[in-house]
Amino acid sequence: MCVTRVAKVLSLNGAKARVRFLDGDVVGEVDVSMVEAKKGSYLEVFAERAIGCITKKDAEFKRDLRLELNRIRATVP
């Protein structure tokens, strides 16, 4: 199963963005060449590439789903 992550753009440098992933508060870099990202926007990320811009509400919802999935995975032997 492939699951996307959500991130908030901290800064832009050409086709690269420095982002904070919402599910772990980790800072990383993603390719934003396929989307119109700007500082402060929320992105859906797959394989270190932004595949879409989303609203803050959707980003928080997807973050919560991912955190719940991680919690469930941790309880399965």
PDB file of N, CA and C in Angstrom:
ATOM      1  N   MET A   1       0.839  -1.173   0.000  1.00  0.00           N
ATOM      2  CA  MET A   1       0.000   0.000   0.000  1.00  0.00           C
ATOM      3  C   MET A   1       0.885   1.237   0.000  1.00  0.00           C
ATOM      4  N   CYS A   2       0.552   2.190  -0.829  1.00  0.00           N
ATOM      5  CA  CYS A   2       1.293   3.450  -0.904  1.00  0.00           C
ATOM      6  C   CYS A   2       0.497   4.528  -0.177  1.00  0.00           C
ATOM      7  N   VAL A   3       1.157   5.213   0.721  1.00  0.00           N
ATOM      8  CA  VAL A   3       0.508   6.266   1.479  1.00  0.00           C
ATOM      9  C   VAL A   3       1.293   7.553   1.296  1.00  0.00           C
ATOM     10  N   THR A   4       0.584   8.622   0.993  1.00  0.00           N
ATOM     11  CA  THR A   4       1.243   9.920   0.854  1.00  0.00           C
ATOM     12  C   THR A   4       1.439  10.540   2.231  1.00  0.00           C
ATOM     13  N   ARG A   5       2.308  11.522   2.268  1.00  0.00           N
ATOM     14  CA  ARG A   5       2.534  12.306   3.482  1.00  0.00           C
ATOM     15  C   ARG A   5       2.119  13.737   3.195  1.00  0.00           C
ATOM     16  N   VAL A   6       1.871  14.491   4.235  1.00  0.00           N
ATOM     17  CA  VAL A   6       1.545  15.902   4.061  1.00  0.00           C
ATOM     18  C   VAL A   6       2.631  16.748   4.699  1.00  0.00           C
ATOM     19  N   ALA A   7       2.878  17.888   4.076  1.00  0.00           N
ATOM     20  CA  ALA A   7       3.953  18.758   4.534  1.00  0.00           C
ATOM     21  C   ALA A   7       3.575  20.208   4.304  1.00  0.00           C
ATOM     22  N   LYS A   8       4.185  21.084   5.103  1.00  0.00           N
ATOM     23  CA  LYS A   8       4.002  22.524   4.955  1.00  0.00           C
ATOM     24  C   LYS A   8       5.295  23.106   4.413  1.00  0.00           C
ATOM     25  N   VAL A   9       5.186  23.965   3.410  1.00  0.00           N
ATOM     26  CA  VAL A   9       6.360  24.566   2.778  1.00  0.00           C
ATOM     27  C   VAL A   9       6.950  25.636   3.698  1.00  0.00           C
ATOM     28  N   LEU A  10       8.237  25.478   4.000  1.00  0.00           N
ATOM     29  CA  LEU A  10       8.959  26.463   4.812  1.00  0.00           C
ATOM     30  C   LEU A  10       9.677  27.478   3.938  1.00  0.00           C
ATOM     31  N   SER A  11      10.260  26.993   2.823  1.00  0.00           N
ATOM     32  CA  SER A  11      10.960  27.882   1.895  1.00  0.00           C
ATOM     33  C   SER A  11      11.085  27.195   0.547  1.00  0.00           C
ATOM     34  N   LEU A  12      11.333  27.993  -0.474  1.00  0.00           N
ATOM     35  CA  LEU A  12      11.480  27.488  -1.843  1.00  0.00           C
ATOM     36  C   LEU A  12      12.826  27.887  -2.409  1.00  0.00           C
ATOM     37  N   ASN A  13      13.390  26.996  -3.224  1.00  0.00           N
ATOM     38  CA  ASN A  13      14.626  27.272  -3.939  1.00  0.00           C
ATOM     39  C   ASN A  13      14.511  26.595  -5.296  1.00  0.00           C
ATOM     40  N   GLY A  14      13.960  27.307  -6.270  1.00  0.00           N
ATOM     41  CA  GLY A  14      13.733  26.727  -7.586  1.00  0.00           C
ATOM     42  C   GLY A  14      12.662  25.657  -7.514  1.00  0.00           C
ATOM     43  N   ALA A  15      12.996  24.445  -7.987  1.00  0.00           N
ATOM     44  CA  ALA A  15      12.044  23.338  -7.997  1.00  0.00           C
ATOM     45  C   ALA A  15      12.122  22.506  -6.720  1.00  0.00           C
ATOM     46  N   LYS A  16      12.831  22.980  -5.722  1.00  0.00           N
ATOM     47  CA  LYS A  16      12.953  22.279  -4.441  1.00  0.00           C
ATOM     48  C   LYS A  16      12.306  23.116  -3.339  1.00  0.00           C
ATOM     49  N   ALA A  17      11.696  22.431  -2.396  1.00  0.00           N
ATOM     50  CA  ALA A  17      11.103  23.117  -1.253  1.00  0.00           C
ATOM     51  C   ALA A  17      11.587  22.460   0.032  1.00  0.00           C
ATOM     52  N   ARG A  18      11.876  23.282   0.987  1.00  0.00           N
ATOM     53  CA  ARG A  18      12.176  22.797   2.337  1.00  0.00           C
ATOM     54  C   ARG A  18      10.829  22.747   3.035  1.00  0.00           C
ATOM     55  N   VAL A  19      10.489  21.563   3.574  1.00  0.00           N
ATOM     56  CA  VAL A  19       9.167  21.348   4.149  1.00  0.00           C
ATOM     57  C   VAL A  19       9.262  20.741   5.544  1.00  0.00           C
ATOM     58  N   ARG A  20       8.169  20.904   6.289  1.00  0.00           N
ATOM     59  CA  ARG A  20       8.023  20.227   7.580  1.00  0.00           C
ATOM     60  C   ARG A  20       6.894  19.219   7.413  1.00  0.00           C
ATOM     61  N   PHE A  21       7.242  17.929   7.546  1.00  0.00           N
ATOM     62  CA  PHE A  21       6.232  16.878   7.444  1.00  0.00           C
ATOM     63  C   PHE A  21       5.381  16.900   8.711  1.00  0.00           C
ATOM     64  N   LEU A  22       4.068  16.913   8.542  1.00  0.00           N
ATOM     65  CA  LEU A  22       3.160  17.092   9.666  1.00  0.00           C
ATOM     66  C   LEU A  22       3.028  15.855  10.541  1.00  0.00           C
ATOM     67  N   ASP A  23       3.327  14.670  10.015  1.00  0.00           N
ATOM     68  CA  ASP A  23       3.130  13.450  10.796  1.00  0.00           C
ATOM     69  C   ASP A  23       4.282  13.143  11.743  1.00  0.00           C
ATOM     70  N   GLY A  24       5.381  13.859  11.636  1.00  0.00           N
ATOM     71  CA  GLY A  24       6.489  13.588  12.527  1.00  0.00           C
ATOM     72  C   GLY A  24       7.302  14.819  12.859  1.00  0.00           C
ATOM     73  N   ASP A  25       6.858  15.957  12.370  1.00  0.00           N
ATOM     74  CA  ASP A  25       7.552  17.221  12.599  1.00  0.00           C
ATOM     75  C   ASP A  25       8.997  17.172  12.115  1.00  0.00           C
ATOM     76  N   VAL A  26       9.241  16.412  11.045  1.00  0.00           N
ATOM     77  CA  VAL A  26      10.563  16.273  10.453  1.00  0.00           C
ATOM     78  C   VAL A  26      10.691  17.260   9.299  1.00  0.00           C
ATOM     79  N   VAL A  27      11.845  17.892   9.193  1.00  0.00           N
ATOM     80  CA  VAL A  27      12.106  18.816   8.085  1.00  0.00           C
ATOM     81  C   VAL A  27      12.848  18.060   6.995  1.00  0.00           C
ATOM     82  N   GLY A  28      12.448  18.288   5.752  1.00  0.00           N
ATOM     83  CA  GLY A  28      13.088  17.635   4.622  1.00  0.00           C
ATOM     84  C   GLY A  28      12.967  18.481   3.379  1.00  0.00           C
ATOM     85  N   GLU A  29      13.396  17.912   2.271  1.00  0.00           N
ATOM     86  CA  GLU A  29      13.353  18.615   0.993  1.00  0.00           C
ATOM     87  C   GLU A  29      12.574  17.765  -0.006  1.00  0.00           C
ATOM     88  N   VAL A  30      11.701  18.410  -0.771  1.00  0.00           N
ATOM     89  CA  VAL A  30      10.916  17.707  -1.783  1.00  0.00           C
ATOM     90  C   VAL A  30      10.958  18.476  -3.102  1.00  0.00           C
ATOM     91  N   ASP A  31      10.723  17.738  -4.164  1.00  0.00           N
ATOM     92  CA  ASP A  31      10.640  18.311  -5.511  1.00  0.00           C
ATOM     93  C   ASP A  31       9.236  18.887  -5.687  1.00  0.00           C
ATOM     94  N   VAL A  32       9.143  20.141  -6.089  1.00  0.00           N
ATOM     95  CA  VAL A  32       7.842  20.783  -6.291  1.00  0.00           C
ATOM     96  C   VAL A  32       7.621  21.192  -7.748  1.00  0.00           C
ATOM     97  N   SER A  33       8.329  20.541  -8.649  1.00  0.00           N
ATOM     98  CA  SER A  33       8.251  20.925 -10.062  1.00  0.00           C
ATOM     99  C   SER A  33       6.885  20.651 -10.685  1.00  0.00           C
ATOM    100  N   MET A  34       6.081  19.778 -10.079  1.00  0.00           N
ATOM    101  CA  MET A  34       4.774  19.446 -10.658  1.00  0.00           C
ATOM    102  C   MET A  34       3.628  20.260 -10.073  1.00  0.00           C
ATOM    103  N   VAL A  35       3.908  21.116  -9.079  1.00  0.00           N
ATOM    104  CA  VAL A  35       2.839  21.883  -8.422  1.00  0.00           C
ATOM    105  C   VAL A  35       3.230  23.357  -8.328  1.00  0.00           C
ATOM    106  N   GLU A  36       2.256  24.187  -8.041  1.00  0.00           N
ATOM    107  CA  GLU A  36       2.511  25.614  -7.835  1.00  0.00           C
ATOM    108  C   GLU A  36       2.562  25.885  -6.335  1.00  0.00           C
ATOM    109  N   ALA A  37       3.682  25.551  -5.734  1.00  0.00           N
ATOM    110  CA  ALA A  37       3.841  25.705  -4.284  1.00  0.00           C
ATOM    111  C   ALA A  37       4.334  27.103  -3.958  1.00  0.00           C
ATOM    112  N   LYS A  38       3.967  27.552  -2.764  1.00  0.00           N
ATOM    113  CA  LYS A  38       4.487  28.804  -2.242  1.00  0.00           C
ATOM    114  C   LYS A  38       4.684  28.644  -0.744  1.00  0.00           C
ATOM    115  N   LYS A  39       5.461  29.527  -0.163  1.00  0.00           N
ATOM    116  CA  LYS A  39       5.748  29.446   1.258  1.00  0.00           C
ATOM    117  C   LYS A  39       4.436  29.447   2.046  1.00  0.00           C
ATOM    118  N   GLY A  40       4.316  28.484   2.963  1.00  0.00           N
ATOM    119  CA  GLY A  40       3.124  28.380   3.780  1.00  0.00           C
ATOM    120  C   GLY A  40       2.065  27.445   3.232  1.00  0.00           C
ATOM    121  N   SER A  41       2.208  27.000   1.981  1.00  0.00           N
ATOM    122  CA  SER A  41       1.205  26.098   1.420  1.00  0.00           C
ATOM    123  C   SER A  41       1.425  24.674   1.916  1.00  0.00           C
ATOM    124  N   TYR A  42       0.382  23.877   1.795  1.00  0.00           N
ATOM    125  CA  TYR A  42       0.421  22.479   2.218  1.00  0.00           C
ATOM    126  C   TYR A  42       0.475  21.593   0.979  1.00  0.00           C
ATOM    127  N   LEU A  43       1.291  20.545   1.075  1.00  0.00           N
ATOM    128  CA  LEU A  43       1.510  19.662  -0.055  1.00  0.00           C
ATOM    129  C   LEU A  43       1.213  18.220   0.309  1.00  0.00           C
ATOM    130  N   GLU A  44       0.761  17.487  -0.688  1.00  0.00           N
ATOM    131  CA  GLU A  44       0.673  16.035  -0.567  1.00  0.00           C
ATOM    132  C   GLU A  44       1.923  15.499  -1.248  1.00  0.00           C
ATOM    133  N   VAL A  45       2.687  14.655  -0.537  1.00  0.00           N
ATOM    134  CA  VAL A  45       4.004  14.230  -0.999  1.00  0.00           C
ATOM    135  C   VAL A  45       4.048  12.716  -1.132  1.00  0.00           C
ATOM    136  N   PHE A  46       4.599  12.255  -2.242  1.00  0.00           N
ATOM    137  CA  PHE A  46       4.838  10.829  -2.463  1.00  0.00           C
ATOM    138  C   PHE A  46       6.228  10.670  -3.058  1.00  0.00           C
ATOM    139  N   ALA A  47       7.041   9.834  -2.447  1.00  0.00           N
ATOM    140  CA  ALA A  47       8.395   9.545  -2.926  1.00  0.00           C
ATOM    141  C   ALA A  47       9.211  10.832  -3.098  1.00  0.00           C
ATOM    142  N   GLU A  48       9.151  11.699  -2.086  1.00  0.00           N
ATOM    143  CA  GLU A  48       9.914  12.956  -2.062  1.00  0.00           C
ATOM    144  C   GLU A  48       9.554  13.910  -3.194  1.00  0.00           C
ATOM    145  N   ARG A  49       8.344  13.767  -3.718  1.00  0.00           N
ATOM    146  CA  ARG A  49       7.860  14.652  -4.784  1.00  0.00           C
ATOM    147  C   ARG A  49       6.456  15.126  -4.433  1.00  0.00           C
ATOM    148  N   ALA A  50       6.237  16.425  -4.489  1.00  0.00           N
ATOM    149  CA  ALA A  50       4.908  16.977  -4.244  1.00  0.00           C
ATOM    150  C   ALA A  50       4.009  16.608  -5.414  1.00  0.00           C
ATOM    151  N   ILE A  51       2.857  16.019  -5.102  1.00  0.00           N
ATOM    152  CA  ILE A  51       1.935  15.622  -6.168  1.00  0.00           C
ATOM    153  C   ILE A  51       0.676  16.471  -6.175  1.00  0.00           C
ATOM    154  N   GLY A  52       0.560  17.377  -5.210  1.00  0.00           N
ATOM    155  CA  GLY A  52      -0.593  18.263  -5.189  1.00  0.00           C
ATOM    156  C   GLY A  52      -0.550  19.222  -4.019  1.00  0.00           C
ATOM    157  N   CYS A  53      -1.208  20.353  -4.198  1.00  0.00           N
ATOM    158  CA  CYS A  53      -1.393  21.315  -3.108  1.00  0.00           C
ATOM    159  C   CYS A  53      -2.755  21.029  -2.499  1.00  0.00           C
ATOM    160  N   ILE A  54      -2.846  21.102  -1.162  1.00  0.00           N
ATOM    161  CA  ILE A  54      -4.094  20.824  -0.469  1.00  0.00           C
ATOM    162  C   ILE A  54      -4.340  21.907   0.573  1.00  0.00           C
ATOM    163  N   THR A  55      -5.552  21.950   1.082  1.00  0.00           N
ATOM    164  CA  THR A  55      -5.899  22.940   2.105  1.00  0.00           C
ATOM    165  C   THR A  55      -5.328  22.520   3.460  1.00  0.00           C
ATOM    166  N   LYS A  56      -5.255  23.454   4.370  1.00  0.00           N
ATOM    167  CA  LYS A  56      -4.784  23.154   5.720  1.00  0.00           C
ATOM    168  C   LYS A  56      -5.698  22.122   6.378  1.00  0.00           C
ATOM    169  N   LYS A  57      -6.994  22.256   6.183  1.00  0.00           N
ATOM    170  CA  LYS A  57      -7.963  21.321   6.761  1.00  0.00           C
ATOM    171  C   LYS A  57      -7.722  19.903   6.242  1.00  0.00           C
ATOM    172  N   ASP A  58      -7.532  19.760   4.935  1.00  0.00           N
ATOM    173  CA  ASP A  58      -7.260  18.444   4.361  1.00  0.00           C
ATOM    174  C   ASP A  58      -5.917  17.897   4.845  1.00  0.00           C
ATOM    175  N   ALA A  59      -4.927  18.777   4.969  1.00  0.00           N
ATOM    176  CA  ALA A  59      -3.603  18.351   5.443  1.00  0.00           C
ATOM    177  C   ALA A  59      -3.697  17.800   6.863  1.00  0.00           C
ATOM    178  N   GLU A  60      -4.438  18.475   7.726  1.00  0.00           N
ATOM    179  CA  GLU A  60      -4.582  18.005   9.104  1.00  0.00           C
ATOM    180  C   GLU A  60      -5.356  16.693   9.164  1.00  0.00           C
ATOM    181  N   PHE A  61      -6.375  16.545   8.325  1.00  0.00           N
ATOM    182  CA  PHE A  61      -7.137  15.303   8.269  1.00  0.00           C
ATOM    183  C   PHE A  61      -6.250  14.144   7.819  1.00  0.00           C
ATOM    184  N   LYS A  62      -5.479  14.348   6.755  1.00  0.00           N
ATOM    185  CA  LYS A  62      -4.593  13.291   6.249  1.00  0.00           C
ATOM    186  C   LYS A  62      -3.487  12.973   7.245  1.00  0.00           C
ATOM    187  N   ARG A  63      -2.988  13.975   7.949  1.00  0.00           N
ATOM    188  CA  ARG A  63      -1.991  13.749   9.004  1.00  0.00           C
ATOM    189  C   ARG A  63      -2.570  12.842  10.078  1.00  0.00           C
ATOM    190  N   ASP A  64      -3.779  13.141  10.515  1.00  0.00           N
ATOM    191  CA  ASP A  64      -4.411  12.338  11.560  1.00  0.00           C
ATOM    192  C   ASP A  64      -4.633  10.899  11.101  1.00  0.00           C
ATOM    193  N   LEU A  65      -5.027  10.717   9.848  1.00  0.00           N
ATOM    194  CA  LEU A  65      -5.202   9.359   9.313  1.00  0.00           C
ATOM    195  C   LEU A  65      -3.878   8.594   9.325  1.00  0.00           C
ATOM    196  N   ARG A  66      -2.811   9.262   8.913  1.00  0.00           N
ATOM    197  CA  ARG A  66      -1.501   8.600   8.876  1.00  0.00           C
ATOM    198  C   ARG A  66      -1.035   8.247  10.286  1.00  0.00           C
ATOM    199  N   LEU A  67      -1.230   9.134  11.237  1.00  0.00           N
ATOM    200  CA  LEU A  67      -0.842   8.852  12.620  1.00  0.00           C
ATOM    201  C   LEU A  67      -1.636   7.675  13.176  1.00  0.00           C
ATOM    202  N   GLU A  68      -2.903   7.593  12.849  1.00  0.00           N
ATOM    203  CA  GLU A  68      -3.726   6.466  13.287  1.00  0.00           C
ATOM    204  C   GLU A  68      -3.257   5.164  12.636  1.00  0.00           C
ATOM    205  N   LEU A  69      -2.933   5.220  11.362  1.00  0.00           N
ATOM    206  CA  LEU A  69      -2.414   4.038  10.667  1.00  0.00           C
ATOM    207  C   LEU A  69      -1.113   3.571  11.318  1.00  0.00           C
ATOM    208  N   ASN A  70      -0.236   4.493  11.642  1.00  0.00           N
ATOM    209  CA  ASN A  70       1.021   4.136  12.305  1.00  0.00           C
ATOM    210  C   ASN A  70       0.754   3.519  13.677  1.00  0.00           C
ATOM    211  N   ARG A  71      -0.235   4.058  14.393  1.00  0.00           N
ATOM    212  CA  ARG A  71      -0.574   3.509  15.708  1.00  0.00           C
ATOM    213  C   ARG A  71      -1.084   2.079  15.577  1.00  0.00           C
ATOM    214  N   ILE A  72      -1.942   1.829  14.597  1.00  0.00           N
ATOM    215  CA  ILE A  72      -2.477   0.490  14.382  1.00  0.00           C
ATOM    216  C   ILE A  72      -1.372  -0.481  13.996  1.00  0.00           C
ATOM    217  N   ARG A  73      -0.488  -0.057  13.102  1.00  0.00           N
ATOM    218  CA  ARG A  73       0.629  -0.919  12.684  1.00  0.00           C
ATOM    219  C   ARG A  73       1.504  -1.314  13.866  1.00  0.00           C
ATOM    220  N   ALA A  74       1.680  -0.397  14.815  1.00  0.00           N
ATOM    221  CA  ALA A  74       2.533  -0.673  15.971  1.00  0.00           C
ATOM    222  C   ALA A  74       1.916  -1.713  16.895  1.00  0.00           C
ATOM    223  N   THR A  75       0.603  -1.901  16.855  1.00  0.00           N
ATOM    224  CA  THR A  75      -0.038  -2.862  17.735  1.00  0.00           C
ATOM    225  C   THR A  75      -0.195  -4.239  17.114  1.00  0.00           C
ATOM    226  N   VAL A  76       0.044  -4.356  15.819  1.00  0.00           N
ATOM    227  CA  VAL A  76      -0.091  -5.652  15.134  1.00  0.00           C
ATOM    228  C   VAL A  76       1.223  -6.412  15.267  1.00  0.00           C
ATOM    229  N   PRO A  77       1.142  -7.652  15.773  1.00  0.00           N
ATOM    230  CA  PRO A  77       2.396  -8.424  15.955  1.00  0.00           C
ATOM    231  C   PRO A  77       3.025  -8.851  14.641  1.00  0.00           C
TER     232      PRO A  77
END
